[in-house]
Protein backbone atom coordinates (compact mmCIF):
# COMPACT_ATOMS: atom_id res chain seq x y z
CA UNK A 1 20.10 -11.85 -33.44
CA UNK A 2 22.99 -12.96 -31.29
CA UNK A 3 22.49 -16.20 -29.32
CA UNK A 4 23.27 -14.43 -26.07
CA UNK A 5 20.51 -11.89 -26.82
CA UNK A 6 18.10 -14.74 -27.60
CA UNK A 7 18.88 -16.25 -24.19
CA UNK A 8 18.07 -13.03 -22.37
CA UNK A 9 14.81 -12.61 -24.23
CA UNK A 10 13.95 -16.23 -23.49
CA UNK A 11 14.28 -15.45 -19.79
CA UNK A 12 12.01 -12.44 -20.23
CA UNK A 13 9.27 -14.46 -21.93
CA UNK A 14 9.62 -17.14 -19.29
CA UNK A 15 8.94 -14.50 -16.64
CA UNK A 16 5.93 -13.21 -18.59
CA UNK A 17 4.56 -16.75 -18.92
CA UNK A 18 4.99 -17.42 -15.19
CA UNK A 19 3.17 -14.20 -14.36
CA UNK A 20 0.32 -15.19 -16.69
CA UNK A 21 -0.01 -18.62 -15.06
CA UNK A 22 -0.10 -17.07 -11.59
CA UNK A 23 -2.76 -14.64 -12.74
CA UNK A 24 -4.94 -17.57 -13.79
CA UNK A 25 -4.55 -19.06 -10.33
CA UNK A 26 -5.61 -15.76 -8.77
CA UNK A 27 -8.60 -15.62 -11.11
CA UNK A 28 -9.76 -19.00 -9.85
CA UNK A 29 -9.70 -17.61 -6.29
CA UNK A 30 -12.26 -14.95 -7.34
CA UNK A 31 -9.87 -12.00 -7.15
CA UNK A 32 -10.52 -11.08 -10.75
CA UNK A 33 -9.26 -7.50 -10.68
CA UNK A 34 -5.81 -8.56 -9.48
CA UNK A 35 -5.74 -11.46 -11.94
CA UNK A 36 -6.75 -9.32 -14.91
CA UNK A 37 -4.14 -6.69 -14.03
CA UNK A 38 -1.39 -9.34 -13.87
CA UNK A 39 -2.52 -11.06 -17.07
CA UNK A 40 -2.77 -7.86 -19.10
CA UNK A 41 0.59 -6.64 -17.80
CA UNK A 42 2.34 -9.84 -18.89
CA UNK A 43 0.53 -10.14 -22.25
CA UNK A 44 0.98 -6.53 -23.33
CA UNK A 45 4.60 -6.47 -22.18
CA UNK A 46 5.30 -9.55 -24.27
CA UNK A 47 3.45 -8.14 -27.28
CA UNK A 48 5.31 -4.84 -26.97
CA UNK A 49 8.68 -6.58 -27.07
CA UNK A 50 7.78 -9.00 -29.87
CA UNK A 51 6.74 -6.19 -32.19
CA UNK A 52 9.79 -4.06 -31.40
CA UNK A 53 12.14 -7.01 -31.91
CA UNK A 54 10.76 -7.50 -35.42
CA UNK A 55 9.64 -11.07 -34.89
CA UNK A 56 6.37 -10.66 -36.79
CA UNK A 57 6.19 -11.72 -40.48
CA UNK A 58 5.83 -8.12 -41.62
CA UNK A 59 8.17 -5.74 -43.40
CA UNK A 60 8.50 -2.09 -44.29
CA UNK A 61 5.80 0.48 -43.75
CA UNK A 62 3.19 -2.04 -42.56
CA UNK A 63 5.48 -3.26 -39.77
CA UNK A 64 6.31 0.31 -38.74
CA UNK A 65 2.64 1.32 -38.58
CA UNK A 66 1.76 -1.74 -36.50
CA UNK A 67 4.70 -1.10 -34.20
CA UNK A 68 3.67 2.51 -33.58
CA UNK A 69 0.09 1.48 -32.77
CA UNK A 70 1.13 -1.36 -30.45
CA UNK A 71 3.55 0.91 -28.58
CA UNK A 72 0.94 3.56 -27.83
CA UNK A 73 -1.85 1.12 -26.94
CA UNK A 74 0.46 -0.90 -24.70
CA UNK A 75 1.65 2.21 -22.88
CA UNK A 76 -1.95 3.27 -22.19
CA UNK A 77 -3.01 -0.21 -21.01
CA UNK A 78 0.02 -0.68 -18.74
CA UNK A 79 -0.52 2.78 -17.25
CA UNK A 80 -4.13 1.91 -16.45
CA UNK A 81 -3.10 -1.42 -14.92
CA UNK A 82 -0.47 0.29 -12.79
CA UNK A 83 -2.94 2.91 -11.60
CA UNK A 84 -5.38 0.17 -10.69
CA UNK A 85 -2.66 -1.72 -8.82
CA UNK A 86 -1.72 1.38 -6.82
CA UNK A 87 -5.35 2.05 -5.94
CA UNK A 88 -5.62 5.26 -7.96
CA UNK A 89 -8.85 4.17 -9.65
CA UNK A 90 -10.91 3.42 -6.55
CA UNK A 91 -12.75 6.74 -6.62
CA UNK A 92 -15.14 6.94 -9.56
CA UNK A 93 -14.47 10.60 -10.39
CA UNK A 94 -10.70 10.15 -10.32
CA UNK A 95 -10.95 6.98 -12.40
CA UNK A 96 -13.01 8.70 -15.07
CA UNK A 97 -10.58 11.58 -15.38
CA UNK A 98 -7.55 9.31 -15.49
CA UNK A 99 -9.04 6.98 -18.10
CA UNK A 100 -10.25 9.88 -20.24
CA UNK A 101 -6.82 11.57 -20.07
CA UNK A 102 -4.94 8.41 -21.02
CA UNK A 103 -7.30 7.51 -23.84
CA UNK A 104 -7.19 11.06 -25.14
CA UNK A 105 -3.39 11.16 -25.07
CA UNK A 106 -3.20 7.77 -26.78
CA UNK A 107 -5.59 8.85 -29.53
CA UNK A 108 -3.65 12.07 -30.05
CA UNK A 109 -0.36 10.20 -30.47
CA UNK A 110 -1.96 7.72 -32.90
CA UNK A 111 -3.39 10.49 -35.08
CA UNK A 112 -0.10 12.36 -35.02
CA UNK A 113 1.70 9.17 -36.10
CA UNK A 114 -0.39 8.93 -39.25
CA UNK A 115 0.72 12.43 -40.22
CA UNK A 116 4.36 11.31 -40.20
CA UNK A 117 6.44 8.89 -42.20
CA UNK A 118 6.34 5.29 -40.88
CA UNK A 119 9.85 5.45 -39.40
CA UNK A 120 9.13 8.78 -37.76
CA UNK A 121 5.87 7.36 -36.41
CA UNK A 122 7.88 4.61 -34.72
CA UNK A 123 10.09 7.21 -33.04
CA UNK A 124 7.00 9.18 -31.97
CA UNK A 125 5.39 6.07 -30.49
CA UNK A 126 8.52 5.36 -28.44
CA UNK A 127 8.48 8.95 -27.19
CA UNK A 128 4.78 8.61 -26.37
CA UNK A 129 5.29 5.39 -24.41
CA UNK A 130 8.24 6.91 -22.55
CA UNK A 131 6.26 10.08 -21.76
CA UNK A 132 3.29 8.15 -20.38
CA UNK A 133 5.68 6.12 -18.25
CA UNK A 134 7.35 9.30 -17.00
CA UNK A 135 3.99 10.75 -15.96
CA UNK A 136 3.19 7.52 -14.09
CA UNK A 137 6.58 7.79 -12.39
CA UNK A 138 5.62 11.21 -11.02
CA UNK A 139 2.32 9.91 -9.64
CA UNK A 140 4.00 6.85 -8.11
CA UNK A 141 6.69 9.03 -6.50
CA UNK A 142 4.02 11.32 -5.01
CA UNK A 143 2.24 8.30 -3.55
CA UNK A 144 5.50 6.97 -2.13
CA UNK A 145 6.28 10.29 -0.44
CA UNK A 146 2.79 10.33 1.08
CA UNK A 147 3.36 6.90 2.61
CA UNK A 148 1.81 4.53 0.06
CA UNK A 149 3.14 1.09 1.01
CA UNK A 150 3.57 0.07 -2.65
CA UNK A 151 4.79 3.49 -3.80
CA UNK A 152 8.55 2.94 -3.85
CA UNK A 153 8.14 -0.49 -5.41
CA UNK A 154 6.06 1.11 -8.15
CA UNK A 155 8.74 3.78 -8.64
CA UNK A 156 11.38 1.09 -9.10
CA UNK A 157 9.15 -0.86 -11.49
CA UNK A 158 8.45 2.20 -13.65
CA UNK A 159 12.14 3.06 -13.82
CA UNK A 160 12.84 -0.44 -15.13
CA UNK A 161 9.95 -0.05 -17.58
CA UNK A 162 11.35 3.24 -18.90
CA UNK A 163 14.74 1.60 -19.40
CA UNK A 164 13.09 -1.26 -21.31
CA UNK A 165 11.08 1.16 -23.46
CA UNK A 166 14.22 3.11 -24.36
CA UNK A 167 16.06 -0.10 -25.23
CA UNK A 168 13.27 -1.49 -27.36
CA UNK A 169 12.88 1.84 -29.14
CA UNK A 170 16.57 1.73 -30.05
CA UNK A 171 16.25 -1.86 -31.24
CA UNK A 172 13.20 -1.01 -33.36
CA UNK A 173 14.93 1.92 -35.06
CA UNK A 174 18.33 0.20 -35.44
CA UNK A 175 17.77 -3.50 -36.03
CA UNK A 176 21.46 -4.36 -35.74
CA UNK A 177 21.72 -3.36 -32.08
CA UNK A 178 24.57 -5.17 -30.23
CA UNK A 179 23.78 -7.93 -27.76
CA UNK A 180 24.52 -5.81 -24.65
CA UNK A 181 21.60 -3.57 -25.62
CA UNK A 182 19.35 -6.63 -25.86
CA UNK A 183 20.69 -7.91 -22.54
CA UNK A 184 20.10 -4.68 -20.64
CA UNK A 185 16.64 -4.25 -22.17
CA UNK A 186 15.57 -7.81 -21.41
CA UNK A 187 16.87 -7.65 -17.83
CA UNK A 188 15.03 -4.36 -17.32
CA UNK A 189 11.85 -6.00 -18.63
CA UNK A 190 12.31 -8.95 -16.25
CA UNK A 191 12.89 -6.58 -13.33
CA UNK A 192 9.76 -4.62 -14.27
CA UNK A 193 7.59 -7.73 -14.36
CA UNK A 194 9.12 -8.96 -11.11
CA UNK A 195 8.43 -5.72 -9.26
CA UNK A 196 4.87 -5.47 -10.58
CA UNK A 197 4.27 -9.13 -9.69
CA UNK A 198 5.47 -8.38 -6.16
CA UNK A 199 3.15 -5.39 -5.85
CA UNK A 200 0.23 -7.41 -7.18
CA UNK A 201 1.01 -10.29 -4.83
CA UNK A 202 0.97 -7.88 -1.89
CA UNK A 203 -2.42 -6.63 -3.05
CA UNK A 204 -3.67 -10.20 -3.63
CA UNK A 205 -2.62 -11.43 -0.17
CA UNK A 206 -4.14 -8.31 1.39
CA UNK A 207 -7.47 -9.04 -0.29
CA UNK A 208 -7.35 -12.69 0.78
CA UNK A 209 -6.86 -11.70 4.39
CA UNK A 210 -9.41 -8.91 4.21
CA UNK A 211 -11.99 -11.35 2.83
CA UNK A 212 -11.45 -13.63 5.82
CA UNK A 213 -11.64 -10.69 8.22
CA UNK A 214 -14.90 -9.38 6.85
CA UNK A 215 -16.42 -12.85 6.85
CA UNK A 216 -15.62 -13.70 10.47
CA UNK A 217 -15.64 -10.35 12.25
CA UNK A 218 -13.72 -9.27 15.35
CA UNK A 219 -14.03 -12.66 17.03
CA UNK A 220 -11.58 -13.91 14.40
CA UNK A 221 -8.04 -12.95 15.40
CA UNK A 222 -6.80 -11.94 11.89
CA UNK A 223 -9.09 -8.92 12.08
CA UNK A 224 -6.14 -7.19 13.71
CA UNK A 225 -3.48 -9.91 13.55
CA UNK A 226 -2.87 -9.02 17.18
CA UNK A 227 -3.49 -10.75 20.49
CA UNK A 228 -7.08 -11.62 21.20
CA UNK A 229 -8.82 -10.13 24.24
CA UNK A 230 -7.85 -12.99 26.54
CA UNK A 231 -4.26 -13.00 25.32
CA UNK A 232 -4.04 -9.25 25.93
CA UNK A 233 -4.79 -9.90 29.59
CA UNK A 234 -2.00 -12.47 29.65
CA UNK A 235 0.35 -9.94 27.98
CA UNK A 236 -0.42 -7.37 30.68
CA UNK A 237 0.25 -9.87 33.45
CA UNK A 238 3.57 -10.91 31.95
CA UNK A 239 4.63 -7.27 31.48
CA UNK A 240 3.90 -6.23 35.07
CA UNK A 241 5.16 -9.36 36.79
CA UNK A 242 8.77 -9.50 38.01
CA UNK A 243 10.19 -12.54 39.76
CA UNK A 244 12.76 -10.51 41.69
CA UNK A 245 10.12 -8.14 43.02
CA UNK A 246 11.97 -5.09 41.69
CA UNK A 247 10.45 -2.02 40.12
CA UNK A 248 10.46 -1.27 36.38
CA UNK A 249 9.00 1.66 34.47
CA UNK A 250 6.36 0.73 31.89
CA UNK A 251 4.79 2.86 29.20
CA UNK A 252 1.09 2.34 28.53
CA UNK A 253 -0.74 3.65 25.46
CA UNK A 254 -4.48 3.03 25.18
CA UNK A 255 -6.31 3.78 21.92
CA UNK A 256 -10.08 4.00 21.66
CA UNK A 257 -11.83 4.76 18.37
CA UNK A 258 -14.97 6.81 18.93
CA UNK A 259 -16.76 6.44 15.60
CA UNK A 260 -16.51 2.71 14.92
CA UNK A 261 -20.01 1.94 16.16
CA UNK A 262 -21.46 4.89 14.26
CA UNK A 263 -19.81 3.48 11.16
CA UNK A 264 -21.41 0.10 11.83
CA UNK A 265 -24.85 1.66 12.28
CA UNK A 266 -24.52 3.55 9.00
CA UNK A 267 -22.83 0.99 6.77
CA UNK A 268 -23.02 -2.38 8.49
CA UNK A 269 -20.65 -4.79 10.20
CA UNK A 270 -18.49 -5.34 7.12
CA UNK A 271 -17.45 -1.68 7.12
CA UNK A 272 -16.78 -1.89 10.88
CA UNK A 273 -14.49 -4.89 10.34
CA UNK A 274 -12.72 -3.22 7.42
CA UNK A 275 -12.05 -0.06 9.46
CA UNK A 276 -10.73 -2.05 12.42
CA UNK A 277 -8.51 -4.07 10.09
CA UNK A 278 -7.02 -0.94 8.49
CA UNK A 279 -6.38 0.74 11.86
CA UNK A 280 -4.61 -2.35 13.17
CA UNK A 281 -2.52 -2.60 10.00
CA UNK A 282 -1.41 1.02 10.37
CA UNK A 283 -0.49 0.43 14.00
CA UNK A 284 1.67 -2.56 13.17
CA UNK A 285 3.54 -0.62 10.49
CA UNK A 286 4.41 2.37 12.69
CA UNK A 287 5.04 0.72 16.06
CA UNK A 288 8.57 -0.54 16.87
CA UNK A 289 9.21 -4.26 17.16
CA UNK A 290 9.80 -4.17 20.93
CA UNK A 291 6.34 -2.74 21.69
CA UNK A 292 3.71 -5.28 22.78
CA UNK A 293 0.26 -4.81 21.26
CA UNK A 294 -3.17 -6.30 21.82
CA UNK A 295 -6.90 -5.65 21.60
CA UNK A 296 -8.58 -3.44 24.20
CA UNK A 297 -12.29 -4.03 23.99
CA UNK A 298 -14.16 -3.99 20.70
CA UNK A 299 -13.08 -0.48 19.74
CA UNK A 300 -9.51 -0.11 20.93
CA UNK A 301 -5.93 -1.26 21.21
CA UNK A 302 -3.40 -1.49 24.02
CA UNK A 303 0.34 -0.90 23.64
CA UNK A 304 2.91 -1.63 26.35
CA UNK A 305 6.53 -0.44 26.36
CA UNK A 306 8.94 -2.28 28.61
CA UNK A 307 11.55 -0.42 30.72
CA UNK A 308 10.98 3.04 29.24
CA UNK A 309 13.80 5.46 30.18
CA UNK A 310 11.42 8.45 30.35
CA UNK A 311 7.95 9.57 29.35
CA UNK A 312 9.17 11.38 26.22
CA UNK A 313 9.53 8.18 24.24
CA UNK A 314 5.96 7.14 25.05
CA UNK A 315 4.59 10.55 24.08
CA UNK A 316 6.48 10.60 20.78
CA UNK A 317 5.09 7.20 19.85
CA UNK A 318 1.57 8.35 20.75
CA UNK A 319 1.90 11.37 18.45
CA UNK A 320 3.12 9.16 15.60
CA UNK A 321 0.17 6.80 16.10
CA UNK A 322 -2.26 9.74 16.08
CA UNK A 323 -0.93 11.00 12.75
CA UNK A 324 -1.13 7.56 11.16
CA UNK A 325 -4.66 6.86 12.36
CA UNK A 326 -5.86 10.28 11.19
CA UNK A 327 -5.31 9.43 7.54
CA UNK A 328 -8.55 8.92 5.56
CA UNK A 329 -9.66 5.39 4.73
CA UNK A 330 -11.61 4.33 1.64
CA UNK A 331 -13.85 1.59 3.02
CA UNK A 332 -15.67 -1.19 1.25
CA UNK A 333 -19.09 -2.23 2.47
CA UNK A 334 -19.26 -5.41 0.37
CA UNK A 335 -18.73 -8.92 1.69
CA UNK A 336 -18.04 -10.18 -1.82
CA UNK A 337 -14.27 -10.76 -2.35
CA UNK A 338 -14.56 -9.42 -5.89
CA UNK A 339 -15.86 -6.09 -4.60
CA UNK A 340 -13.38 -5.40 -1.81
CA UNK A 341 -11.38 -2.92 -3.87
CA UNK A 342 -14.40 -0.73 -4.62
CA UNK A 343 -14.53 2.17 -2.16
CA UNK A 344 -18.08 2.89 -1.10
CA UNK A 345 -17.44 5.37 1.71
CA UNK A 346 -14.66 7.59 3.05
CA UNK A 347 -13.93 7.41 6.77
CA UNK A 348 -11.49 8.96 9.23
CA UNK A 349 -10.83 7.34 12.60
CA UNK A 350 -11.67 9.55 15.60
CA UNK A 351 -9.10 7.98 17.88
CA UNK A 352 -8.51 9.06 21.44
CA UNK A 353 -5.11 8.14 22.86
CA UNK A 354 -4.24 7.89 26.53
CA UNK A 355 -0.56 8.06 27.49
CA UNK A 356 0.59 6.78 30.86
CA UNK A 357 3.95 5.93 32.40
CA UNK A 358 3.71 3.76 35.47
CA UNK A 359 5.66 1.07 37.32
CA UNK A 360 5.36 -2.63 38.01
CA UNK A 361 4.40 -1.78 41.60
CA UNK A 362 1.00 -0.57 40.38
CA UNK A 363 -1.80 -3.07 39.93
CA UNK A 364 -2.08 -3.96 36.22
CA UNK A 365 -5.88 -3.61 36.16
CA UNK A 366 -5.63 -0.13 37.64
CA UNK A 367 -3.02 1.01 35.09
CA UNK A 368 -4.99 -0.32 32.12
CA UNK A 369 -8.33 1.07 33.29
CA UNK A 370 -6.71 4.46 33.89
CA UNK A 371 -5.14 4.48 30.42
CA UNK A 372 -8.44 3.51 28.82
CA UNK A 373 -10.29 6.25 30.70
CA UNK A 374 -7.65 8.70 29.48
CA UNK A 375 -8.16 7.55 25.89
CA UNK A 376 -11.90 8.10 26.12
CA UNK A 377 -11.39 11.49 27.73
CA UNK A 378 -9.04 12.39 24.88
CA UNK A 379 -12.03 12.35 22.50
CA UNK A 380 -12.94 15.79 23.90
CA UNK A 381 -9.47 17.28 23.27
CA UNK A 382 -8.43 18.89 20.03
CA UNK A 383 -5.14 16.98 20.00
CA UNK A 384 -6.89 13.67 20.84
CA UNK A 385 -4.04 13.00 23.31
CA UNK A 386 -4.49 12.72 27.07
CA UNK A 387 -2.04 12.22 29.93
CA UNK A 388 -2.15 12.28 33.71
CA UNK A 389 -1.27 15.49 35.53
CA UNK A 390 0.17 14.33 38.83
CA UNK A 391 0.16 17.78 40.39
CA UNK A 392 -3.53 18.36 39.67
CA UNK A 393 -4.37 14.70 40.26
CA UNK A 394 -6.50 14.44 37.11
CA UNK A 395 -6.50 13.57 33.43
CA UNK A 396 -5.53 16.45 31.17
CA UNK A 397 -4.68 17.16 27.56
CA UNK A 398 -1.09 16.34 26.66
CA UNK A 399 1.00 19.52 26.42
CA UNK A 400 2.32 20.55 23.04
CA UNK A 401 5.83 19.64 22.03
CA UNK A 402 8.27 22.34 23.08
CA UNK A 403 11.78 22.58 21.66
CA UNK A 404 11.81 18.90 20.77
CA UNK A 405 10.86 17.86 24.34
CA UNK A 406 7.50 16.39 25.28
CA UNK A 407 6.28 17.20 28.77
CA UNK A 408 4.25 14.27 30.06
CA UNK A 409 3.65 13.76 33.75
CA UNK A 410 4.19 10.20 35.00
CA UNK A 411 1.51 8.54 37.02
């Protein structure tokens, strides 16, 4: 093998070793599922490449048979690890079907390989590994389109994996492959491990934070990673106060979640904390940077928009928030960090949203109490959105969007 190719593969194995070491560190922090996924990904990726590069002391038919087996088994294991990383195996029924399908496909390819000549079995195993990766690419792309936060990263990682599989298959069939083929394949393998490590780290940090949240409850600020109750009051004062005494339009969105306490009564405080944590995370991801956010009581959130040009912008943001909060949540009811990824119950937030546009001339306490009352009234509306009808002088359901314009009466 060319020295340049050896250098690229050395970088690949260095990346695999680093990922293995980091997985051991994660294992010591009790997040065993994340650690095992990272360790198996690095070990099987390294084993896959070693066998395809012909670095084992085997020759002829024995080497080809081993290569075909390792390729299929590795593809199945990496697919399972990726599905676990993306959260596809949280539901027991889905996990059983996915595992049975992958194991069945792997067994079918292995049996078919024994019916072929050793060299043809190697080609079949490469096709099998590539096919399993392609199927995973479809599932990852579907998750990305649906809004999975790790979906597009997984798509990129699988694309790199498919490129590495194709390169290693070529190297296994034609041992005298030029160094550029080795270089591209090794770089693709490094990129794959890097992307998967990033996805796993995101999952690992999420579980670390979630463990703290569920241990301390809503009195601990990282439950929502927003302003605490007292700081929300300070935020409101700062937003409404103007040194020059002038008037400024302010958008107020109050969110109250109706079924949080029912969830606590059914499944305990840990599930309550988990649901509140997920709702706050979704809010932070969909709300623009210039919107101020804070807690509003034990079951709600308050959003303030400074100097809004018209009520349409506030209404559009409220509709976006409603759609995000409506998505189902798979909640854990365990306080054990090792069990946080196991979904024990499905839950959908029943969020009422009050939309109000007001001015700095109005008393802050009056504006906030009005918005909160609107949010609670919105629980009785099908759209879960409430606004203030100035003509009728009462809270009413927000009108539907008409021709791209949102009719919301200012208060």
